[in-house]
Each structure stands twice: as structure tokens, then as C-alpha cells.
Protein backbone atom coordinates (compact mmCIF):
# COMPACT_ATOMS: atom_id res chain seq x y z
CA MET A 1 -0.18 -0.31 0.22
CA ALA A 2 1.49 3.48 -0.63
CA THR A 3 0.29 7.01 -0.29
CA HIS A 4 0.73 9.40 -3.59
CA GLU A 5 0.61 13.10 -2.47
CA VAL A 6 -0.78 15.11 -5.66
CA SER A 7 -1.13 18.63 -5.82
CA THR A 8 -1.36 19.28 -9.55
CA TRP A 9 -3.76 17.93 -12.38
CA ALA A 10 -0.85 16.34 -14.17
CA GLU A 11 0.33 14.65 -10.77
CA LEU A 12 -3.45 13.52 -9.98
CA ALA A 13 -4.17 12.05 -13.82
CA GLU A 14 -0.56 9.83 -13.24
CA ALA A 15 -1.53 8.32 -9.55
CA ILE A 16 -4.76 7.38 -10.89
CA ARG A 17 -3.04 5.47 -13.75
CA THR A 18 -0.49 4.09 -11.65
CA ALA A 19 -2.28 3.41 -8.32
CA SER A 20 -2.42 -0.23 -7.10
CA SER A 21 -4.64 -2.27 -4.80
CA GLY A 22 -4.34 -0.53 -1.11
CA ASP A 23 -2.90 2.73 -2.59
CA ILE A 24 -4.25 6.16 -1.55
CA ILE A 25 -4.17 9.27 -3.70
CA GLN A 26 -4.28 12.63 -1.59
CA LEU A 27 -4.93 15.57 -2.66
CA THR A 28 -2.84 18.25 -0.72
CA ALA A 29 -3.96 21.64 -2.66
CA ASP A 30 -7.01 23.07 -4.54
CA ILE A 31 -6.26 22.49 -8.61
CA ASP A 32 -7.70 25.13 -10.56
CA CYS A 33 -8.04 23.42 -14.13
CA ASN A 34 -7.96 26.34 -15.86
CA ASP A 35 -4.19 26.45 -15.38
CA GLU A 36 -3.11 23.33 -17.17
CA ILE A 37 -5.86 22.37 -18.72
CA PRO A 38 -8.36 24.92 -20.23
CA GLU A 39 -9.32 23.72 -23.04
CA GLY A 40 -10.68 20.85 -21.09
CA VAL A 41 -9.21 16.85 -20.82
CA SER A 42 -8.72 15.30 -24.73
CA SER A 43 -8.44 11.69 -23.67
CA THR A 44 -9.86 9.53 -21.29
CA ILE A 45 -7.61 8.62 -17.87
CA PRO A 46 -7.79 4.85 -17.06
CA SER A 47 -6.84 3.61 -13.74
CA TYR A 48 -4.84 0.51 -12.91
CA GLU A 49 -7.24 -2.24 -12.92
CA VAL A 50 -7.35 -3.36 -9.07
CA THR A 51 -7.98 -6.31 -7.31
CA GLY A 52 -8.33 -4.57 -3.99
CA THR A 53 -9.60 -0.97 -2.79
CA ARG A 54 -8.35 2.21 -4.43
CA THR A 55 -9.03 5.91 -3.10
CA ILE A 56 -9.18 9.05 -3.83
CA THR A 57 -9.60 11.79 -1.29
CA GLY A 58 -9.25 15.44 -0.60
CA GLU A 59 -10.14 15.41 3.14
CA TYR A 60 -7.65 17.21 5.21
CA ILE A 61 -7.70 18.49 8.97
CA GLU A 62 -6.83 21.98 9.42
CA ASN A 63 -7.18 23.48 13.40
CA GLY A 64 -8.88 20.13 14.23
CA VAL A 65 -12.01 20.75 11.59
CA THR A 66 -12.26 18.06 8.63
CA LYS A 67 -12.25 20.20 5.27
CA ARG A 68 -12.39 19.31 1.56
CA HIS A 69 -10.07 20.20 -1.56
CA VAL A 70 -11.33 21.75 -4.34
CA ILE A 71 -11.10 20.82 -7.85
CA LYS A 72 -12.05 23.61 -10.45
CA ASN A 73 -13.20 24.52 -13.69
CA LEU A 74 -12.61 20.65 -14.76
CA ARG A 75 -14.18 20.38 -18.06
CA THR A 76 -14.75 18.04 -21.16
CA SER A 77 -12.25 18.71 -24.18
CA THR A 78 -14.06 22.04 -26.12
CA THR A 79 -13.66 20.11 -29.45
CA SER A 80 -14.03 15.75 -28.72
CA PRO A 81 -15.79 15.32 -25.79
CA VAL A 82 -15.02 11.85 -23.93
CA ALA A 83 -15.45 10.65 -20.51
CA ILE A 84 -12.60 12.04 -18.09
CA PHE A 85 -11.96 8.99 -15.54
CA ARG A 86 -12.68 5.33 -16.19
CA MET A 87 -12.24 3.68 -13.44
CA ASN A 88 -11.18 -0.20 -14.16
CA GLY A 89 -10.94 -2.95 -11.48
CA TYR A 90 -12.30 -6.38 -11.14
CA TYR A 91 -12.48 -9.67 -8.87
CA ASN A 92 -14.22 -7.16 -6.49
CA SER A 93 -12.18 -4.83 -6.47
CA THR A 94 -13.75 -0.93 -5.31
CA THR A 95 -13.14 2.64 -5.84
CA ASN A 96 -13.84 5.00 -3.13
CA VAL A 97 -13.85 9.06 -4.40
CA GLN A 98 -14.27 11.46 -0.88
CA GLY A 99 -13.82 14.96 0.41
CA ILE A 100 -13.57 16.52 -2.81
CA ASP A 101 -15.56 19.40 -4.21
CA PHE A 102 -15.85 19.66 -7.81
CA LEU A 103 -16.89 23.07 -9.00
CA ASN A 104 -17.83 24.36 -12.18
CA LEU A 105 -18.10 21.15 -13.99
CA ILE A 106 -18.65 21.57 -17.43
CA LEU A 107 -19.72 17.87 -18.77
CA ALA A 108 -19.77 16.61 -22.73
CA ALA A 109 -19.41 13.77 -21.44
CA PRO A 110 -19.07 11.74 -18.13
CA LEU A 111 -16.76 12.65 -15.52
CA ILE A 112 -16.35 9.08 -14.53
CA GLU A 113 -17.14 5.59 -16.40
CA VAL A 114 -17.18 2.37 -14.20
CA ALA A 115 -16.39 -1.03 -15.50
CA GLU A 116 -15.21 -4.25 -14.31
CA THR A 117 -13.00 -6.20 -16.56
CA GLY A 118 -13.57 -9.99 -14.77
CA SER A 119 -16.47 -11.48 -14.12
CA ALA A 120 -17.06 -10.41 -10.56
CA TYR A 121 -18.29 -6.70 -9.45
CA HIS A 122 -16.52 -3.69 -9.03
CA THR A 123 -18.44 -0.93 -6.80
CA MET A 124 -17.89 2.51 -6.89
CA ASN A 125 -18.31 4.48 -3.93
CA ILE A 126 -18.85 8.62 -3.68
CA ARG A 127 -18.79 10.03 -0.39
CA ASN A 128 -18.72 13.84 1.10
CA CYS A 129 -18.27 15.81 -2.33
CA ARG A 130 -19.62 18.78 -3.85
CA PHE A 131 -20.84 18.99 -7.59
CA THR A 132 -21.56 21.81 -9.30
CA GLY A 133 -21.62 23.39 -12.91
CA LYS A 134 -23.44 22.02 -16.07
CA ARG A 135 -23.97 18.63 -18.08
CA THR A 136 -24.89 17.31 -21.85
CA ASP A 137 -24.25 13.70 -20.60
CA TYR A 138 -24.20 11.69 -17.96
CA PHE A 139 -22.54 12.28 -14.47
CA VAL A 140 -21.54 8.87 -14.29
CA TYR A 141 -21.41 6.20 -16.68
CA LEU A 142 -21.65 2.35 -15.32
CA TYR A 143 -21.16 -0.61 -17.35
CA SER A 144 -22.43 -3.87 -16.09
CA ASN A 145 -21.52 -5.80 -13.40
CA THR A 146 -21.10 -2.30 -11.49
CA TYR A 147 -22.41 -1.08 -8.62
CA LEU A 148 -22.42 3.11 -7.60
CA TYR A 149 -23.29 3.87 -4.25
CA ILE A 150 -22.93 8.11 -3.67
CA TYR A 151 -23.33 9.29 0.13
CA ASN A 152 -23.83 12.27 1.88
CA CYS A 153 -22.98 14.47 -1.43
CA TYR A 154 -25.00 17.93 -3.08
CA PHE A 155 -25.14 17.84 -6.32
CA ASN A 156 -26.03 21.11 -8.70
CA ILE A 157 -25.24 20.11 -11.92
CA TYR A 158 -27.89 20.64 -14.30
CA TYR A 159 -28.60 19.08 -17.35
CA ASN A 160 -28.40 21.55 -20.48
CA GLY A 161 -28.64 18.91 -23.43
CA ASN A 162 -31.40 18.59 -25.62
CA ASN A 163 -31.40 14.52 -25.83
CA GLU A 164 -33.77 13.58 -22.91
CA THR A 165 -32.41 10.22 -22.02
CA LYS A 166 -29.22 11.37 -20.66
CA VAL A 167 -31.79 13.81 -17.99
CA PRO A 168 -30.42 11.48 -15.12
CA LEU A 169 -27.09 12.01 -13.56
CA CYS A 170 -26.04 8.82 -14.10
CA TYR A 171 -26.63 5.63 -16.51
CA LEU A 172 -26.95 2.25 -15.31
CA ASP A 173 -26.58 -0.67 -17.40
CA THR A 174 -28.65 -2.67 -14.90
CA ILE A 175 -31.47 -0.37 -12.86
CA GLY A 176 -31.16 -1.39 -9.45
CA ARG A 177 -27.62 -0.88 -9.13
CA GLY A 178 -26.98 2.84 -7.95
CA TYR A 179 -28.07 4.07 -4.80
CA MET A 180 -27.68 7.73 -3.51
CA SER A 181 -27.74 7.90 0.64
CA ASN A 182 -28.35 11.19 2.52
CA CYS A 183 -27.62 13.37 -0.60
CA ARG A 184 -28.90 16.74 -1.38
CA ILE A 185 -29.92 17.18 -5.47
CA ARG A 186 -31.10 20.23 -6.97
CA GLU A 187 -33.48 19.49 -10.17
CA THR A 188 -33.12 22.75 -13.02
CA PHE A 189 -35.36 22.40 -16.50
CA THR A 190 -33.53 24.64 -18.93
CA GLY A 191 -35.91 24.26 -21.80
CA THR A 192 -33.32 22.88 -24.08
CA TYR A 193 -35.62 19.96 -24.71
CA THR A 194 -38.98 18.90 -24.75
CA PRO A 195 -40.22 15.88 -22.35
CA SER A 196 -41.78 12.96 -23.44
CA SER A 197 -45.45 12.09 -22.87
CA THR A 198 -43.86 8.20 -23.46
CA ASP A 199 -44.76 5.74 -20.06
CA GLY A 200 -41.64 5.48 -18.58
CA VAL A 201 -39.26 7.73 -20.14
CA ALA A 202 -36.69 9.46 -17.59
CA THR A 203 -37.95 12.24 -15.88
CA CYS A 204 -35.27 13.79 -13.36
CA SER A 205 -31.90 13.66 -12.61
CA VAL A 206 -32.35 10.90 -10.01
CA PHE A 207 -34.54 8.55 -11.73
CA PRO A 208 -32.90 5.46 -11.92
CA MET A 209 -31.09 5.92 -8.68
CA ARG A 210 -32.26 4.10 -5.17
CA LEU A 211 -32.85 7.55 -2.81
CA SER A 212 -32.91 7.35 1.32
CA GLY A 213 -32.79 10.11 3.25
CA CYS A 214 -32.35 12.50 0.39
CA ARG A 215 -33.65 15.94 -0.69
CA VAL A 216 -34.27 16.71 -4.10
CA GLU A 217 -35.68 20.10 -4.50
CA GLY A 218 -35.90 22.51 -7.35
CA GLU A 219 -38.34 22.43 -10.98
CA VAL A 220 -38.85 19.11 -12.77
CA VAL A 221 -40.75 19.26 -16.00
CA SER A 222 -42.13 15.38 -17.42
CA GLY A 223 -44.67 14.44 -20.24
CA LYS A 224 -47.05 12.09 -19.16
CA TYR A 225 -46.98 11.26 -15.21
CA PRO A 226 -44.74 12.66 -12.48
CA ARG A 227 -41.78 9.97 -11.53
CA TYR A 228 -38.84 10.30 -9.09
CA HIS A 229 -38.04 7.07 -10.35
CA HIS A 230 -38.17 4.04 -12.59
CA SER A 231 -41.48 2.64 -11.40
CA THR A 232 -41.45 -0.75 -12.38
CA ALA A 233 -37.50 -1.65 -11.63
CA LEU A 234 -37.48 0.31 -8.86
CA SER A 235 -41.01 -0.23 -6.91
CA ASN A 236 -39.91 -3.09 -4.48
CA TYR A 237 -36.96 -1.06 -2.63
CA THR A 238 -37.74 0.45 0.70
CA PRO A 239 -35.65 3.19 2.11
CA GLY A 240 -34.53 3.04 5.57
CA SER A 241 -34.97 6.76 6.07
CA GLN A 242 -37.51 8.83 4.59
CA ASN A 243 -36.84 11.67 2.06
CA VAL A 244 -37.89 15.06 1.25
CA TYR A 245 -39.08 15.74 -2.21
CA ASP A 246 -39.45 20.18 -2.38
CA VAL A 247 -39.73 20.10 -6.15
CA ASP A 248 -42.29 22.03 -8.41
CA PHE A 249 -43.04 19.36 -10.52
CA LYS A 250 -44.86 20.38 -14.05
CA LEU A 251 -46.61 17.92 -16.67
CA THR A 252 -46.93 18.98 -20.87
CA ASN A 253 -49.77 16.33 -20.32
CA ASN A 254 -52.96 17.47 -22.37
CA THR A 255 -55.52 14.74 -21.88
CA ASP A 256 -55.01 13.15 -18.09
CA THR A 257 -57.40 15.14 -15.41
CA SER A 258 -55.29 12.66 -12.77
CA VAL A 259 -52.31 11.30 -12.96
CA PRO A 260 -49.76 8.36 -10.42
CA LEU A 261 -47.64 9.38 -8.68
CA TYR A 262 -43.96 7.43 -8.19
CA ALA A 263 -41.71 8.19 -5.61
CA PHE A 264 -39.64 6.57 -2.53
CA LYS A 265 -41.44 7.22 0.87
CA GLY A 266 -41.12 10.68 2.34
CA VAL A 267 -42.89 13.63 1.93
CA VAL A 268 -43.50 14.92 -1.41
CA LYS A 269 -45.17 18.27 -2.39
CA ILE A 270 -47.86 18.62 -4.46
CA PRO A 271 -50.09 19.75 -6.15
CA ILE A 272 -48.55 19.06 -9.58
CA ARG A 273 -49.14 21.53 -12.35
CA LYS A 274 -49.26 21.67 -15.52
CA LYS A 275 -46.57 23.02 -17.66
CA ASP A 276 -47.27 26.88 -19.26
CA ALA A 277 -51.12 26.63 -17.46
CA GLU A 278 -49.90 26.30 -13.74
CA THR A 279 -53.02 27.16 -12.45
CA THR A 280 -54.25 23.80 -13.72
CA THR A 281 -53.25 21.03 -11.46
CA TYR A 282 -53.60 17.33 -11.21
CA GLU A 283 -55.47 14.81 -8.93
CA ILE A 284 -52.78 11.85 -7.80
CA SER A 285 -54.61 8.94 -8.58
CA SER A 286 -52.44 6.33 -6.78
CA ALA A 287 -49.09 7.18 -5.25
CA SER A 288 -45.97 4.93 -3.63
CA THR A 289 -45.66 3.25 -0.47
CA GLY A 290 -44.75 5.80 2.20
CA VAL A 291 -45.37 8.88 -0.10
CA ILE A 292 -46.91 11.57 2.15
CA GLN A 293 -48.31 14.18 0.20
CA ALA A 294 -48.16 17.75 1.68
CA THR A 295 -48.68 21.38 -0.10
CA GLU A 296 -46.11 24.15 0.29
CA SER A 297 -47.07 25.09 3.57
CA GLN A 298 -47.82 21.58 5.07
CA MET A 299 -44.41 20.97 3.74
CA GLN A 300 -43.40 23.92 6.38
CA ASP A 301 -45.54 22.88 9.29
CA THR A 302 -43.66 20.32 11.73
CA ASP A 303 -47.27 19.59 13.31
CA TRP A 304 -48.61 18.27 10.61
CA LEU A 305 -45.75 16.74 8.95
CA ILE A 306 -45.55 14.48 12.45
CA GLN A 307 -48.95 13.99 12.51
CA ASN A 308 -49.18 12.37 8.86
CA GLY A 309 -46.03 9.94 9.22
CA PHE A 310 -43.06 12.15 8.74
CA ASP A 311 -39.71 10.93 11.09
CA ILE A 312 -39.19 14.87 12.46
CA VAL A 313 -37.85 16.39 15.49
CA PRO A 314 -39.46 19.41 16.12
CA SER A 315 -36.38 22.12 16.91
CA ASN A 316 -37.57 23.12 20.58
CA GLN A 317 -37.40 19.82 21.18
CA GLY A 318 -33.48 18.36 23.28
CA GLY A 319 -30.98 19.17 25.03
């Protein structure tokens, strides 16, 4: 096991190419990619094929406080976009990325591709990171036999493309292998694509992920149904913690007056409104198990939330 200390983009890229099983790649300084690669990453940076665990971390302690290093202004190539990182592993290997703030990302291809090269599984863990910027492609692309777990992260990396299938943050070769826990996700509709009315189409950035203890906020515009997840493949998942969906959800649906609501257990803001005619609202014909439907004022009413089954502790209680 070795620790690779890196303070520049070139050093980080080289460490990812060469780090072996058990190695730690430690950021020792903030990195501004405008200084080294202002036109973006021209070719994908492949990792060494590990058999065990590899960790890339920006966490450090200053005066007893844990802090994170920053990678800012990272972008895909301005001329021929390709995925920035490709994390390779085999035989039940694991890659950890933790304690890094990726600020002002510009992605026309995924930030990370995750793949296994043997018959066993590769796991990608992302912890305690922030991601801000914009994208016209997925944030992470998972190939077969890989799992993605995202913990305690913040996402405000809005989709600005015209291919509706790439609205989700993550592409999963197998639905059900992506998990988000205790994350905060900002949804933004930029109007660069026209939402489809097709049943089951991806609607928002968290669509293929299993959410537990997450907060989703912002605006989502869909075609026919208000879906926060793939209703068929993920309907049997029971989160360990309730979620909060504080979202202005709008539909372009011109025919139905009532719609089914698909979300993991937690509180979901209603009503669902019609896009460009927001005084028109939709009745909820059915909702997923454990969903608490609440108006904006009810979502801010602690007593109402407690009475209706939301697990919350009033701020005036405690020590």
C-alpha cells in the first residue's frame, strides 16, 4: 500500500493511471484546471485495474476541522469530448472518491466511467463531495457488473442538453445498482429539450437511483407522469430513511386530469401542475407506498408532518 500525494492536475492524472490495490491518492492542494488544461481533458484517464480497494481523497484536517480540497473548472474537451476518468477494476474491487469539491464542471461526456474487466463486481463509492456546473451528458456511466453508491453528497449540475435520455445523473447498465444516501440534489429544467409523453421515460436527474434520506429540490418538467424513479424496476425498494421531494413538478400532459405519483417513501410536494398553465393541477390517482403528499405550507408545518407520519424532531426539543 502506498500514498500518492498530488497537488496538480498532471500529478492527479498520473496517480490514477498507476495506483495499485490498497493505494491512496491524496490531494494536498486545490486544483484550478484553467491553469493546466483550459481546453479540457483530451483523452480519457484510465485507472490501473485494481483487485482490492483504491481511494482518491481530498479530505484534510486543519485546526481540528475536517475540510475538503477543490478541483474547479474541470471540463471535457472543447473539441472532442470523452469521459474524463475511467475507473477499472475486477474480482470484487472497489474505488472510493471522497472529500473533494468539484466546482464549475462542464461535461459533454461523463465525469466518470465505471467498469469491471473480470467476472466479479466492481463497486464505486462517492462520499462527502460537492458537484456544481452543467452537463449535456451523464455524470457517471456504469457498465455491467458494477455498483454505484453515493453518500452525503451535494449535486447542482444541471442538464443543458437536448437528448432527454441523458437527463439522469447516472446511466446504469442494470437498473437497481445505483444508490444515493443522505444527498441533496438540485433539479433544474432549462427548456433545452421537450419532455416526452411516453410512459416510463426518464424524468429527472435521480430517476434510476434508489434514494434514502435524500432531499430533492428545484423544478422538474415531465411529459405524462410525475415519476421520481423507474416505477417498475425500483418499486420494491424500501429506503432506510424517508426522503424529501421539495420540487415544483410540472407536466406537459394535455389529456389526463389525474396521474399516478411514483416516489420513494417520504414527503412529496403537491400539487402537480401543468406546464405553461400552472393554475391547472392534476389529481393524484395513486401514490407509491410510504409517500406523504403535502402542500408547500404543510411541508413547513412541523406538527402537520409529525401527525402525518414524517420522521422529524421539532427544533424546540432536545438539550
